[in-house]
């Protein structure tokens, strides 16, 4: 359980927010922790920042459980990790399993944060800012498309020439856990993706392709490829019924079953390149991950 009740102080006649400030939190962060129900005096929940506290102060905080994942690029202000498939970018609730923040906060402290997201199933490059001030700048860059991204995917069928998919995307109207699915919808947000074939594997009728998102919508590459009938191998969300999707999301399928329903034991999609200019310096960061071997290996036990 990543969240743990930790004793941070023992005080007498001190306001709640002052206790937190004395323990290294900003006034804004102190208020946020109180609002989220993370602060206790003895066994009593602290609800107001001006509450006068007496006794032992406990904080429910995220306890990092790093596994040794190291960044593939590091500067004074940001780093880039090559995230494995199956790992969340962010903690997901109080019972969150291992995620990238276990490594980020362990290495750089809890002011470090990701500047963008990758789906749990998607592997690849993800940029991490070493403090919140830098993150504001990078998040703006990602939102304004000042950061160019490239992906590699292994898809069903033969693709012989490059093409662009121009199909708007909206949220699904499903009420089950599959509400995270997106849908092609003319009333949705504009979405454009360029696809370039790299290599065709005749024996298994699949193509390794490069995908370049020209907009930044959730599941954009995955949904666009499914829409043009070149579903990504290992795709767990699109093209399957609700019950089986929920079973996959709950991680209740064994490897054989996952391959049977999805075509691979992982989503064969990898964020392979980030390109941007920061403080008048050009950065081109490319993955060192052997995605070709990994994807082909994932098609069988």
Protein backbone atom coordinates (compact mmCIF):
# COMPACT_ATOMS: atom_id res chain seq x y z
CA UNK A 1 0.00 0.00 0.00
CA UNK A 2 1.88 3.12 -1.23
CA UNK A 3 0.11 5.55 1.10
CA UNK A 4 1.28 5.32 4.70
CA UNK A 5 0.49 7.18 7.93
CA UNK A 6 3.73 8.83 8.98
CA UNK A 7 4.45 10.80 12.15
CA UNK A 8 5.97 14.15 11.18
CA UNK A 9 5.91 16.17 14.42
CA UNK A 10 4.75 16.57 18.00
CA UNK A 11 3.41 20.04 18.87
CA UNK A 12 1.73 22.18 21.49
CA UNK A 13 -0.73 24.99 20.71
CA UNK A 14 0.23 25.41 17.05
CA UNK A 15 -2.04 26.08 14.05
CA UNK A 16 -2.35 23.21 11.59
CA UNK A 17 -0.92 25.05 8.60
CA UNK A 18 2.01 26.29 10.72
CA UNK A 19 2.87 22.70 11.65
CA UNK A 20 3.01 21.74 7.97
CA UNK A 21 5.02 24.83 7.00
CA UNK A 22 7.50 24.00 9.78
CA UNK A 23 7.85 20.58 8.14
CA UNK A 24 8.75 21.93 4.72
CA UNK A 25 5.38 22.39 2.99
CA UNK A 26 4.27 25.64 1.35
CA UNK A 27 1.12 27.36 2.59
CA UNK A 28 -0.74 26.28 -0.55
CA UNK A 29 0.44 22.67 -0.23
CA UNK A 30 -0.50 22.67 3.47
CA UNK A 31 -4.05 23.72 2.60
CA UNK A 32 -4.20 21.06 -0.12
CA UNK A 33 -3.11 18.30 2.28
CA UNK A 34 -5.74 19.36 4.84
CA UNK A 35 -8.46 19.56 2.16
CA UNK A 36 -7.59 16.03 1.00
CA UNK A 37 -7.90 14.62 4.54
CA UNK A 38 -4.23 13.72 4.80
CA UNK A 39 -3.44 15.37 8.18
CA UNK A 40 -4.21 13.91 11.64
CA UNK A 41 -3.58 15.14 15.17
CA UNK A 42 -3.31 12.02 17.30
CA UNK A 43 -6.16 9.98 15.78
CA UNK A 44 -8.39 12.91 14.84
CA UNK A 45 -8.67 14.23 11.28
CA UNK A 46 -7.61 17.87 10.89
CA UNK A 47 -10.22 19.70 8.82
CA UNK A 48 -9.33 23.40 9.12
CA UNK A 49 -5.95 25.05 8.55
CA UNK A 50 -6.35 27.30 11.62
CA UNK A 51 -7.18 24.44 14.00
CA UNK A 52 -4.98 24.61 17.12
CA UNK A 53 -3.16 21.31 17.44
CA UNK A 54 -1.75 19.57 20.48
CA UNK A 55 -0.09 16.19 20.31
CA UNK A 56 1.35 13.89 17.65
CA UNK A 57 0.92 15.00 14.04
CA UNK A 58 0.55 12.36 11.33
CA UNK A 59 0.51 12.73 7.58
CA UNK A 60 -0.90 10.21 5.12
CA UNK A 61 1.76 10.38 2.45
CA UNK A 62 2.91 8.42 -0.57
CA UNK A 63 5.65 5.96 0.32
CA UNK A 64 7.95 5.41 -2.65
CA UNK A 65 8.82 1.84 -3.58
CA UNK A 66 11.45 2.25 -6.33
CA UNK A 67 12.59 -0.67 -8.46
CA UNK A 68 15.68 0.96 -9.91
CA UNK A 69 14.38 2.40 -13.19
CA UNK A 70 16.79 5.13 -14.31
CA UNK A 71 16.28 8.00 -16.77
CA UNK A 72 17.72 7.70 -20.28
CA UNK A 73 18.44 11.43 -20.42
CA UNK A 74 19.11 13.99 -17.68
CA UNK A 75 19.70 17.74 -17.52
CA UNK A 76 19.75 20.15 -14.59
CA UNK A 77 16.04 20.89 -15.02
CA UNK A 78 14.40 17.79 -16.51
CA UNK A 79 14.91 14.10 -17.18
CA UNK A 80 13.41 11.59 -19.60
CA UNK A 81 12.44 8.04 -18.63
CA UNK A 82 11.73 5.14 -20.99
CA UNK A 83 8.58 3.86 -19.25
CA UNK A 84 7.85 0.12 -19.53
CA UNK A 85 4.43 -1.06 -20.70
CA UNK A 86 2.02 -1.90 -17.88
CA UNK A 87 3.28 0.87 -15.58
CA UNK A 88 1.09 3.84 -14.66
CA UNK A 89 2.51 7.33 -15.14
CA UNK A 90 0.74 8.56 -11.98
CA UNK A 91 -0.40 7.09 -8.65
CA UNK A 92 -3.97 5.86 -9.02
CA UNK A 93 -5.71 6.29 -5.67
CA UNK A 94 -4.65 5.24 -2.20
CA UNK A 95 -4.19 1.61 -3.17
CA UNK A 96 -2.11 2.41 -6.25
CA UNK A 97 0.38 -0.21 -7.36
CA UNK A 98 3.93 0.60 -8.43
CA UNK A 99 4.03 3.54 -10.85
CA UNK A 100 6.57 5.91 -12.37
CA UNK A 101 6.31 8.31 -9.41
CA UNK A 102 7.92 5.66 -7.20
CA UNK A 103 11.08 6.35 -9.17
CA UNK A 104 10.57 10.08 -9.77
CA UNK A 105 9.98 11.09 -6.14
CA UNK A 106 12.67 8.73 -4.84
CA UNK A 107 15.29 10.29 -7.14
CA UNK A 108 14.21 13.95 -7.29
CA UNK A 109 11.83 14.66 -4.41
CA UNK A 110 8.10 15.32 -4.38
CA UNK A 111 8.23 18.61 -6.25
CA UNK A 112 9.22 16.66 -9.39
CA UNK A 113 6.42 15.74 -11.80
CA UNK A 114 5.69 14.45 -15.29
CA UNK A 115 5.02 17.08 -17.97
CA UNK A 116 2.67 14.83 -19.97
CA UNK A 117 1.19 11.34 -19.77
CA UNK A 118 1.50 7.97 -21.38
CA UNK A 119 -1.22 5.35 -21.12
CA UNK A 120 -0.45 2.49 -18.76
CA UNK A 121 -0.26 0.08 -21.70
CA UNK A 122 1.97 2.36 -23.81
CA UNK A 123 5.72 2.21 -23.26
CA UNK A 124 8.27 4.85 -24.13
CA UNK A 125 9.71 8.27 -23.51
CA UNK A 126 8.13 10.49 -20.87
CA UNK A 127 9.55 13.85 -19.75
CA UNK A 128 9.82 14.64 -16.04
CA UNK A 129 10.43 18.13 -14.61
CA UNK A 130 12.55 18.39 -11.49
CA UNK A 131 10.30 21.07 -9.96
CA UNK A 132 6.79 22.50 -10.40
CA UNK A 133 7.95 25.84 -11.85
CA UNK A 134 9.64 24.12 -14.77
CA UNK A 135 6.65 21.83 -15.22
CA UNK A 136 4.34 24.77 -15.98
CA UNK A 137 6.57 25.77 -18.89
CA UNK A 138 6.84 22.25 -20.28
CA UNK A 139 3.13 21.53 -19.91
CA UNK A 140 2.42 24.66 -21.95
CA UNK A 141 4.91 23.44 -24.58
CA UNK A 142 3.20 20.05 -24.82
CA UNK A 143 -0.26 21.63 -24.98
CA UNK A 144 0.80 24.05 -27.73
CA UNK A 145 2.44 21.22 -29.73
CA UNK A 146 5.89 22.79 -29.33
CA UNK A 147 7.12 19.30 -28.46
CA UNK A 148 7.11 16.94 -31.44
CA UNK A 149 6.45 13.30 -30.61
CA UNK A 150 6.89 10.09 -32.57
CA UNK A 151 5.66 6.58 -31.79
CA UNK A 152 6.32 3.11 -33.16
CA UNK A 153 3.48 0.56 -33.42
CA UNK A 154 3.00 -2.98 -34.68
CA UNK A 155 -0.38 -3.25 -36.42
CA UNK A 156 -2.57 -5.77 -38.19
CA UNK A 157 -2.46 -5.94 -41.97
CA UNK A 158 -0.24 -4.56 -44.70
CA UNK A 159 0.46 -0.83 -45.00
CA UNK A 160 2.41 0.12 -48.13
CA UNK A 161 2.43 3.93 -48.10
CA UNK A 162 2.13 6.78 -45.65
CA UNK A 163 -1.26 8.29 -44.89
CA UNK A 164 -3.01 10.72 -42.54
CA UNK A 165 -6.12 10.04 -40.48
CA UNK A 166 -8.26 13.15 -39.90
CA UNK A 167 -11.07 12.03 -37.59
CA UNK A 168 -12.41 13.99 -34.59
CA UNK A 169 -12.39 12.26 -31.21
CA UNK A 170 -14.82 12.51 -28.27
CA UNK A 171 -15.28 10.74 -24.95
CA UNK A 172 -17.23 7.49 -24.93
CA UNK A 173 -20.73 7.57 -23.46
CA UNK A 174 -20.28 4.19 -21.75
CA UNK A 175 -21.14 3.92 -18.07
CA UNK A 176 -18.97 0.92 -17.20
CA UNK A 177 -15.26 0.93 -16.42
CA UNK A 178 -14.74 1.18 -20.17
CA UNK A 179 -15.73 4.87 -19.97
CA UNK A 180 -12.02 5.57 -20.55
CA UNK A 181 -12.59 4.51 -24.16
CA UNK A 182 -12.78 7.31 -26.72
CA UNK A 183 -14.82 7.34 -29.93
CA UNK A 184 -14.71 8.80 -33.42
CA UNK A 185 -17.30 11.56 -33.43
CA UNK A 186 -17.70 14.57 -35.76
CA UNK A 187 -18.73 16.71 -32.79
CA UNK A 188 -15.52 15.83 -30.93
CA UNK A 189 -12.13 17.54 -30.98
CA UNK A 190 -10.06 17.66 -34.16
CA UNK A 191 -7.51 14.84 -34.31
CA UNK A 192 -4.84 14.29 -36.97
CA UNK A 193 -2.26 11.49 -37.11
CA UNK A 194 0.35 10.75 -39.76
CA UNK A 195 1.39 7.12 -40.30
CA UNK A 196 4.51 5.89 -42.13
CA UNK A 197 5.20 2.17 -42.80
CA UNK A 198 8.61 0.83 -41.72
CA UNK A 199 8.54 -2.94 -42.31
CA UNK A 200 5.97 -5.57 -43.30
CA UNK A 201 6.08 -9.09 -41.83
CA UNK A 202 4.41 -11.30 -44.42
CA UNK A 203 4.27 -14.48 -42.30
CA UNK A 204 2.17 -12.82 -39.60
CA UNK A 205 0.50 -10.16 -41.79
CA UNK A 206 1.58 -7.24 -39.61
CA UNK A 207 3.32 -3.93 -40.29
CA UNK A 208 5.74 -1.98 -38.12
CA UNK A 209 4.87 1.69 -38.51
CA UNK A 210 5.84 5.15 -37.31
CA UNK A 211 2.97 7.27 -35.93
CA UNK A 212 3.25 11.05 -35.67
CA UNK A 213 0.38 12.73 -33.77
CA UNK A 214 -0.29 16.22 -35.15
CA UNK A 215 -2.78 16.86 -32.34
CA UNK A 216 -2.84 15.55 -28.79
CA UNK A 217 -6.03 13.66 -28.02
CA UNK A 218 -6.45 10.79 -25.58
CA UNK A 219 -5.93 7.39 -27.28
CA UNK A 220 -5.53 9.22 -30.60
CA UNK A 221 -3.11 6.80 -32.27
CA UNK A 222 -4.87 3.73 -30.90
CA UNK A 223 -8.33 4.84 -32.00
CA UNK A 224 -7.25 6.14 -35.42
CA UNK A 225 -5.55 2.85 -36.26
CA UNK A 226 -8.54 0.85 -35.09
CA UNK A 227 -10.80 3.11 -37.19
CA UNK A 228 -8.84 2.38 -40.39
CA UNK A 229 -8.82 -1.36 -39.61
CA UNK A 230 -5.15 -1.58 -38.68
CA UNK A 231 -5.63 -2.32 -34.99
CA UNK A 232 -2.48 -2.27 -32.84
CA UNK A 233 -1.41 -5.74 -31.72
CA UNK A 234 -2.17 -6.16 -28.01
CA UNK A 235 -4.89 -3.47 -28.05
CA UNK A 236 -7.10 -4.15 -24.97
CA UNK A 237 -9.76 -1.44 -25.36
CA UNK A 238 -10.93 -1.15 -28.94
CA UNK A 239 -12.70 -3.91 -30.82
CA UNK A 240 -13.58 -6.03 -27.79
CA UNK A 241 -16.80 -6.39 -25.77
CA UNK A 242 -17.30 -4.58 -22.48
CA UNK A 243 -17.01 -7.68 -20.26
CA UNK A 244 -13.72 -8.85 -21.71
CA UNK A 245 -12.30 -5.30 -21.63
CA UNK A 246 -13.17 -5.00 -17.93
CA UNK A 247 -11.55 -8.39 -17.29
CA UNK A 248 -8.37 -7.20 -19.01
CA UNK A 249 -8.40 -3.91 -17.06
CA UNK A 250 -8.76 -5.86 -13.81
CA UNK A 251 -5.74 -7.97 -14.88
CA UNK A 252 -7.70 -11.20 -14.55
CA UNK A 253 -6.54 -12.77 -17.81
CA UNK A 254 -3.51 -15.02 -17.99
CA UNK A 255 -0.93 -14.50 -20.73
CA UNK A 256 -2.47 -17.07 -23.11
CA UNK A 257 -5.91 -15.46 -22.79
CA UNK A 258 -4.49 -11.98 -23.30
CA UNK A 259 -2.79 -13.09 -26.53
CA UNK A 260 -5.96 -14.86 -27.67
CA UNK A 261 -8.17 -11.79 -27.29
CA UNK A 262 -5.69 -9.00 -28.08
CA UNK A 263 -3.10 -10.58 -30.35
CA UNK A 264 -0.19 -9.86 -28.00
CA UNK A 265 0.55 -9.86 -24.29
CA UNK A 266 1.17 -6.09 -24.30
CA UNK A 267 0.05 -3.11 -26.36
CA UNK A 268 2.60 -2.82 -29.19
CA UNK A 269 2.89 0.95 -29.03
CA UNK A 270 6.04 2.80 -27.96
CA UNK A 271 6.79 6.53 -27.66
CA UNK A 272 10.12 6.63 -29.48
CA UNK A 273 11.14 10.28 -29.92
CA UNK A 274 10.78 13.74 -28.33
CA UNK A 275 11.98 16.85 -30.16
CA UNK A 276 11.79 20.42 -28.82
CA UNK A 277 13.65 23.67 -28.18
CA UNK A 278 14.17 24.75 -24.57
CA UNK A 279 16.10 27.87 -23.54
CA UNK A 280 17.35 28.28 -27.12
CA UNK A 281 18.77 24.78 -27.19
CA UNK A 282 17.44 22.04 -29.46
CA UNK A 283 16.81 18.63 -27.91
CA UNK A 284 16.24 15.42 -29.88
CA UNK A 285 15.79 12.50 -27.49
CA UNK A 286 15.33 9.03 -28.96
CA UNK A 287 14.54 5.73 -27.30
CA UNK A 288 17.18 3.03 -26.93
CA UNK A 289 14.47 0.42 -26.47
CA UNK A 290 14.53 -2.52 -28.91
CA UNK A 291 10.84 -2.16 -29.76
CA UNK A 292 11.02 -4.42 -32.85
CA UNK A 293 12.25 -7.46 -30.87
CA UNK A 294 10.01 -6.66 -27.90
CA UNK A 295 6.87 -6.38 -30.04
CA UNK A 296 7.52 -9.58 -31.97
CA UNK A 297 8.35 -11.41 -28.74
CA UNK A 298 5.07 -10.28 -27.19
CA UNK A 299 3.01 -12.12 -29.83
CA UNK A 300 3.69 -15.46 -28.18
CA UNK A 301 4.43 -17.00 -24.79
